N, C-alpha and C. Protein backbone atom coordinates (compact mmCIF):
# COMPACT_ATOMS: atom_id res chain seq x y z
N VAL A 1 0.83 -1.19 0.00
CA VAL A 1 0.00 0.00 0.00
C VAL A 1 0.88 1.25 0.00
N ILE A 2 1.93 1.23 0.81
CA ILE A 2 2.81 2.40 0.88
C ILE A 2 3.44 2.67 -0.48
N ASN A 3 3.87 1.61 -1.15
CA ASN A 3 4.49 1.79 -2.46
C ASN A 3 3.48 2.35 -3.47
N ALA A 4 2.24 1.88 -3.41
CA ALA A 4 1.21 2.38 -4.33
C ALA A 4 0.95 3.86 -4.07
N LEU A 5 0.89 4.25 -2.81
CA LEU A 5 0.69 5.67 -2.49
C LEU A 5 1.88 6.51 -2.96
N ARG A 6 3.07 6.00 -2.73
CA ARG A 6 4.27 6.72 -3.15
C ARG A 6 4.28 6.89 -4.67
N ASP A 7 3.92 5.82 -5.39
CA ASP A 7 3.88 5.89 -6.85
C ASP A 7 2.82 6.89 -7.32
N PHE A 8 1.64 6.84 -6.69
CA PHE A 8 0.56 7.73 -7.09
C PHE A 8 0.96 9.19 -6.89
N PHE A 9 1.44 9.52 -5.69
CA PHE A 9 1.78 10.91 -5.42
C PHE A 9 3.10 11.34 -6.05
N GLY A 10 3.87 10.38 -6.51
CA GLY A 10 5.11 10.70 -7.20
C GLY A 10 4.89 11.01 -8.68
N ASN A 11 3.72 10.71 -9.18
CA ASN A 11 3.38 10.94 -10.58
C ASN A 11 2.88 12.38 -10.73
N GLU A 12 3.57 13.16 -11.53
CA GLU A 12 3.23 14.58 -11.70
C GLU A 12 1.82 14.76 -12.27
N ARG A 13 1.39 13.86 -13.14
CA ARG A 13 0.03 13.96 -13.70
C ARG A 13 -1.01 13.85 -12.59
N ASN A 14 -0.80 12.95 -11.63
CA ASN A 14 -1.75 12.81 -10.52
C ASN A 14 -1.77 14.07 -9.66
N ASP A 15 -0.63 14.70 -9.49
CA ASP A 15 -0.59 15.96 -8.75
C ASP A 15 -1.44 17.02 -9.44
N ASP A 16 -1.35 17.07 -10.78
CA ASP A 16 -2.14 18.05 -11.53
C ASP A 16 -3.64 17.77 -11.39
N VAL A 17 -4.02 16.49 -11.45
CA VAL A 17 -5.43 16.11 -11.30
C VAL A 17 -5.93 16.49 -9.91
N LEU A 18 -5.15 16.19 -8.88
CA LEU A 18 -5.54 16.53 -7.51
C LEU A 18 -5.65 18.04 -7.33
N ASP A 19 -4.72 18.79 -7.89
CA ASP A 19 -4.79 20.25 -7.80
C ASP A 19 -6.06 20.78 -8.47
N ALA A 20 -6.42 20.21 -9.62
CA ALA A 20 -7.63 20.64 -10.32
C ALA A 20 -8.88 20.30 -9.50
N LEU A 21 -8.88 19.13 -8.88
CA LEU A 21 -10.01 18.75 -8.04
C LEU A 21 -10.13 19.67 -6.82
N LEU A 22 -9.01 19.92 -6.17
CA LEU A 22 -9.03 20.77 -4.97
C LEU A 22 -9.44 22.20 -5.30
N ALA A 23 -9.16 22.65 -6.51
CA ALA A 23 -9.57 24.00 -6.91
C ALA A 23 -11.09 24.11 -6.99
N GLN A 24 -11.77 22.98 -7.14
CA GLN A 24 -13.24 22.97 -7.22
C GLN A 24 -13.91 22.84 -5.86
N VAL A 25 -13.13 22.61 -4.81
CA VAL A 25 -13.69 22.41 -3.47
C VAL A 25 -13.75 23.76 -2.75
N HIS A 26 -14.94 24.09 -2.28
CA HIS A 26 -15.15 25.36 -1.57
C HIS A 26 -15.89 25.08 -0.26
N PRO A 27 -15.18 24.65 0.77
CA PRO A 27 -15.86 24.31 2.03
C PRO A 27 -16.50 25.54 2.67
N LYS A 28 -17.64 25.30 3.30
CA LYS A 28 -18.33 26.36 4.01
C LYS A 28 -18.02 26.21 5.50
N PRO A 29 -17.93 27.32 6.21
CA PRO A 29 -17.64 27.22 7.64
C PRO A 29 -18.81 26.56 8.38
N TYR A 30 -18.47 25.79 9.39
CA TYR A 30 -19.48 25.13 10.21
C TYR A 30 -19.98 26.12 11.24
N VAL A 31 -21.28 26.34 11.25
CA VAL A 31 -21.87 27.30 12.17
C VAL A 31 -22.80 26.56 13.12
N VAL A 32 -22.59 26.75 14.41
CA VAL A 32 -23.46 26.15 15.41
C VAL A 32 -24.55 27.15 15.75
N GLU A 33 -25.78 26.76 15.49
CA GLU A 33 -26.90 27.64 15.82
C GLU A 33 -27.27 27.47 17.27
N ILE A 34 -27.43 28.59 17.96
CA ILE A 34 -27.81 28.57 19.36
C ILE A 34 -29.28 28.94 19.46
N SER A 35 -30.01 28.11 20.16
CA SER A 35 -31.44 28.34 20.33
C SER A 35 -31.68 29.16 21.58
N ALA A 36 -31.93 30.45 21.40
CA ALA A 36 -32.13 31.35 22.54
C ALA A 36 -33.48 31.13 23.20
N GLY A 37 -34.39 30.44 22.53
CA GLY A 37 -35.72 30.26 23.09
C GLY A 37 -35.86 29.02 23.95
N SER A 38 -34.79 28.30 24.20
CA SER A 38 -34.90 27.07 24.97
C SER A 38 -34.99 27.37 26.46
N GLU A 39 -35.51 26.41 27.18
CA GLU A 39 -35.68 26.54 28.63
C GLU A 39 -34.34 26.66 29.36
N VAL A 40 -33.27 26.15 28.76
CA VAL A 40 -31.97 26.19 29.42
C VAL A 40 -31.07 27.31 28.91
N SER A 41 -31.56 28.09 27.96
CA SER A 41 -30.77 29.18 27.41
C SER A 41 -30.38 30.17 28.51
N GLY A 42 -29.09 30.50 28.56
CA GLY A 42 -28.59 31.46 29.54
C GLY A 42 -28.33 30.86 30.91
N LYS A 43 -28.57 29.57 31.08
CA LYS A 43 -28.37 28.93 32.38
C LYS A 43 -27.04 28.20 32.41
N THR A 44 -26.51 28.03 33.61
CA THR A 44 -25.28 27.26 33.81
C THR A 44 -25.67 25.87 34.27
N VAL A 45 -25.21 24.86 33.52
CA VAL A 45 -25.57 23.47 33.78
C VAL A 45 -24.31 22.68 34.10
N VAL A 46 -24.43 21.76 35.06
CA VAL A 46 -23.34 20.85 35.40
C VAL A 46 -23.85 19.43 35.25
N PHE A 47 -23.08 18.58 34.56
CA PHE A 47 -23.40 17.16 34.44
C PHE A 47 -22.51 16.40 35.40
N THR A 48 -23.10 15.46 36.15
CA THR A 48 -22.32 14.68 37.11
C THR A 48 -22.83 13.24 37.12
N GLY A 49 -21.99 12.33 37.50
CA GLY A 49 -22.36 10.92 37.48
C GLY A 49 -22.26 10.36 36.08
N THR A 50 -22.81 9.17 35.90
CA THR A 50 -22.76 8.49 34.61
C THR A 50 -24.00 8.81 33.79
N LEU A 51 -23.79 9.28 32.58
CA LEU A 51 -24.91 9.49 31.66
C LEU A 51 -25.08 8.20 30.87
N GLU A 52 -26.31 7.72 30.78
CA GLU A 52 -26.56 6.42 30.17
C GLU A 52 -27.09 6.50 28.75
N LYS A 53 -27.63 7.64 28.36
CA LYS A 53 -28.26 7.75 27.03
C LYS A 53 -27.46 8.60 26.06
N MET A 54 -26.39 9.19 26.53
CA MET A 54 -25.53 10.00 25.68
C MET A 54 -24.17 10.13 26.36
N THR A 55 -23.17 10.48 25.60
CA THR A 55 -21.86 10.72 26.20
C THR A 55 -21.87 12.11 26.83
N ARG A 56 -20.92 12.34 27.68
CA ARG A 56 -20.82 13.66 28.32
C ARG A 56 -20.55 14.74 27.26
N SER A 57 -19.73 14.43 26.27
CA SER A 57 -19.45 15.44 25.24
C SER A 57 -20.70 15.72 24.40
N GLU A 58 -21.53 14.71 24.16
CA GLU A 58 -22.80 14.94 23.45
C GLU A 58 -23.73 15.81 24.29
N ALA A 59 -23.79 15.52 25.58
CA ALA A 59 -24.65 16.31 26.48
C ALA A 59 -24.18 17.76 26.52
N LYS A 60 -22.87 17.95 26.59
CA LYS A 60 -22.31 19.30 26.64
C LYS A 60 -22.63 20.06 25.35
N ALA A 61 -22.40 19.40 24.21
CA ALA A 61 -22.66 20.05 22.92
C ALA A 61 -24.14 20.40 22.77
N MET A 62 -25.01 19.50 23.22
CA MET A 62 -26.44 19.73 23.13
C MET A 62 -26.84 20.93 23.99
N ALA A 63 -26.33 20.98 25.21
CA ALA A 63 -26.64 22.09 26.12
C ALA A 63 -26.15 23.41 25.53
N GLU A 64 -24.94 23.41 24.99
CA GLU A 64 -24.38 24.64 24.42
C GLU A 64 -25.17 25.10 23.20
N ARG A 65 -25.63 24.15 22.36
CA ARG A 65 -26.46 24.51 21.21
C ARG A 65 -27.77 25.16 21.65
N LEU A 66 -28.22 24.79 22.83
CA LEU A 66 -29.47 25.35 23.35
C LEU A 66 -29.24 26.64 24.14
N GLY A 67 -27.99 27.12 24.14
CA GLY A 67 -27.68 28.40 24.77
C GLY A 67 -27.25 28.32 26.22
N ALA A 68 -27.05 27.12 26.73
CA ALA A 68 -26.60 26.97 28.12
C ALA A 68 -25.08 27.02 28.20
N LYS A 69 -24.58 27.37 29.37
CA LYS A 69 -23.15 27.29 29.64
C LYS A 69 -22.94 26.03 30.46
N VAL A 70 -21.99 25.20 30.08
CA VAL A 70 -21.71 23.98 30.82
C VAL A 70 -20.47 24.19 31.67
N ALA A 71 -20.61 23.96 32.96
CA ALA A 71 -19.50 24.12 33.90
C ALA A 71 -19.05 22.75 34.39
N GLY A 72 -17.82 22.70 34.86
CA GLY A 72 -17.27 21.45 35.37
C GLY A 72 -17.46 21.27 36.86
N SER A 73 -17.83 22.34 37.54
CA SER A 73 -18.03 22.23 38.99
C SER A 73 -19.27 23.02 39.40
N VAL A 74 -19.82 22.66 40.53
CA VAL A 74 -21.02 23.31 41.05
C VAL A 74 -20.62 24.50 41.91
N SER A 75 -21.29 25.63 41.69
CA SER A 75 -21.07 26.82 42.51
C SER A 75 -22.40 27.54 42.66
N ALA A 76 -22.37 28.64 43.35
CA ALA A 76 -23.59 29.44 43.54
C ALA A 76 -24.12 29.96 42.20
N LYS A 77 -23.28 29.98 41.17
CA LYS A 77 -23.69 30.45 39.85
C LYS A 77 -24.36 29.35 39.02
N THR A 78 -24.34 28.12 39.52
CA THR A 78 -24.94 26.99 38.81
C THR A 78 -26.46 27.07 38.92
N ASP A 79 -27.14 26.86 37.79
CA ASP A 79 -28.60 26.88 37.77
C ASP A 79 -29.22 25.49 37.83
N LEU A 80 -28.50 24.50 37.29
CA LEU A 80 -29.09 23.18 37.14
C LEU A 80 -27.99 22.12 37.16
N VAL A 81 -28.24 21.02 37.87
CA VAL A 81 -27.33 19.89 37.87
C VAL A 81 -28.08 18.68 37.32
N VAL A 82 -27.48 18.05 36.31
CA VAL A 82 -28.04 16.82 35.75
C VAL A 82 -27.21 15.68 36.33
N ALA A 83 -27.85 14.86 37.16
CA ALA A 83 -27.12 13.83 37.90
C ALA A 83 -27.51 12.44 37.42
N GLY A 84 -26.48 11.65 37.11
CA GLY A 84 -26.68 10.25 36.76
C GLY A 84 -26.20 9.37 37.89
N PRO A 85 -26.30 8.05 37.71
CA PRO A 85 -25.81 7.13 38.73
C PRO A 85 -24.34 7.39 39.06
N GLY A 86 -24.01 7.29 40.32
CA GLY A 86 -22.63 7.49 40.75
C GLY A 86 -22.27 8.94 41.00
N ALA A 87 -23.25 9.83 40.96
CA ALA A 87 -22.97 11.24 41.25
C ALA A 87 -22.47 11.35 42.68
N GLY A 88 -21.44 12.14 42.88
CA GLY A 88 -20.83 12.23 44.20
C GLY A 88 -20.90 13.60 44.81
N SER A 89 -19.74 14.20 44.99
CA SER A 89 -19.64 15.46 45.73
C SER A 89 -20.38 16.61 45.05
N LYS A 90 -20.46 16.61 43.74
CA LYS A 90 -21.17 17.69 43.04
C LYS A 90 -22.65 17.68 43.44
N LEU A 91 -23.19 16.49 43.61
CA LEU A 91 -24.59 16.35 44.00
C LEU A 91 -24.81 16.92 45.40
N LYS A 92 -23.87 16.65 46.30
CA LYS A 92 -23.98 17.17 47.67
C LYS A 92 -23.87 18.69 47.69
N VAL A 93 -22.93 19.23 46.93
CA VAL A 93 -22.76 20.69 46.87
C VAL A 93 -24.03 21.33 46.32
N ALA A 94 -24.59 20.73 45.27
CA ALA A 94 -25.82 21.27 44.68
C ALA A 94 -26.95 21.27 45.70
N SER A 95 -27.06 20.19 46.43
CA SER A 95 -28.10 20.08 47.46
C SER A 95 -27.90 21.13 48.55
N ASP A 96 -26.66 21.28 49.00
CA ASP A 96 -26.34 22.27 50.04
C ASP A 96 -26.66 23.69 49.58
N LEU A 97 -26.47 23.96 48.27
CA LEU A 97 -26.71 25.31 47.74
C LEU A 97 -28.15 25.52 47.27
N GLY A 98 -28.96 24.47 47.35
CA GLY A 98 -30.36 24.59 46.92
C GLY A 98 -30.54 24.68 45.42
N ILE A 99 -29.61 24.09 44.68
CA ILE A 99 -29.66 24.11 43.22
C ILE A 99 -30.53 22.95 42.73
N GLU A 100 -31.32 23.21 41.70
CA GLU A 100 -32.19 22.18 41.15
C GLU A 100 -31.35 21.03 40.58
N VAL A 101 -31.72 19.80 40.96
CA VAL A 101 -31.04 18.60 40.48
C VAL A 101 -32.08 17.74 39.76
N ILE A 102 -31.75 17.33 38.54
CA ILE A 102 -32.64 16.46 37.77
C ILE A 102 -31.86 15.27 37.24
N ASP A 103 -32.58 14.22 36.84
CA ASP A 103 -31.91 13.06 36.24
C ASP A 103 -31.85 13.24 34.72
N GLU A 104 -31.18 12.29 34.08
CA GLU A 104 -30.96 12.39 32.64
C GLU A 104 -32.27 12.37 31.84
N ASP A 105 -33.22 11.53 32.25
CA ASP A 105 -34.50 11.48 31.54
C ASP A 105 -35.24 12.82 31.61
N THR A 106 -35.21 13.44 32.79
CA THR A 106 -35.86 14.75 32.94
C THR A 106 -35.15 15.79 32.08
N TRP A 107 -33.83 15.72 32.03
CA TRP A 107 -33.04 16.62 31.17
C TRP A 107 -33.49 16.47 29.72
N LEU A 108 -33.58 15.23 29.25
CA LEU A 108 -33.97 14.99 27.86
C LEU A 108 -35.38 15.50 27.58
N GLN A 109 -36.28 15.33 28.52
CA GLN A 109 -37.64 15.86 28.35
C GLN A 109 -37.62 17.38 28.31
N ARG A 110 -36.83 17.97 29.19
CA ARG A 110 -36.78 19.43 29.28
C ARG A 110 -36.26 20.06 28.00
N ILE A 111 -35.33 19.39 27.35
CA ILE A 111 -34.77 19.96 26.12
C ILE A 111 -35.49 19.44 24.87
N GLY A 112 -36.58 18.70 25.09
CA GLY A 112 -37.38 18.25 23.96
C GLY A 112 -36.85 17.06 23.23
N ARG A 113 -36.06 16.23 23.90
CA ARG A 113 -35.47 15.04 23.26
C ARG A 113 -36.05 13.75 23.83
N GLY A 114 -37.23 13.80 24.39
CA GLY A 114 -37.85 12.59 24.96
C GLY A 114 -37.26 12.24 26.29
N GLY A 115 -37.15 10.97 26.59
CA GLY A 115 -36.60 10.58 27.88
C GLY A 115 -36.86 9.19 28.14
């Protein structure tokens, strides 16, 4: 395979063909639309414990698309904590501060993704 690649890219005609193809490619920038009308827009959300229906990065991206700020720790500025199984100290801090704590299914319902 390496030799075939070397031969292909070593051929000047193939370079010309690739250059012509690349000249026709005009990528558009990826724009993330933020939904300002969502229930979580403008709120600070913390995810803790194990999420079972999505990865943490998916949950973070979803929250950010809906206009929320995702934080890594709970503080007085936190509006909402989404807690899965195994939630530990973040759950206690949220409880001590009187911050709303919901489970993953409630989170999905709140953002309109079922549950």
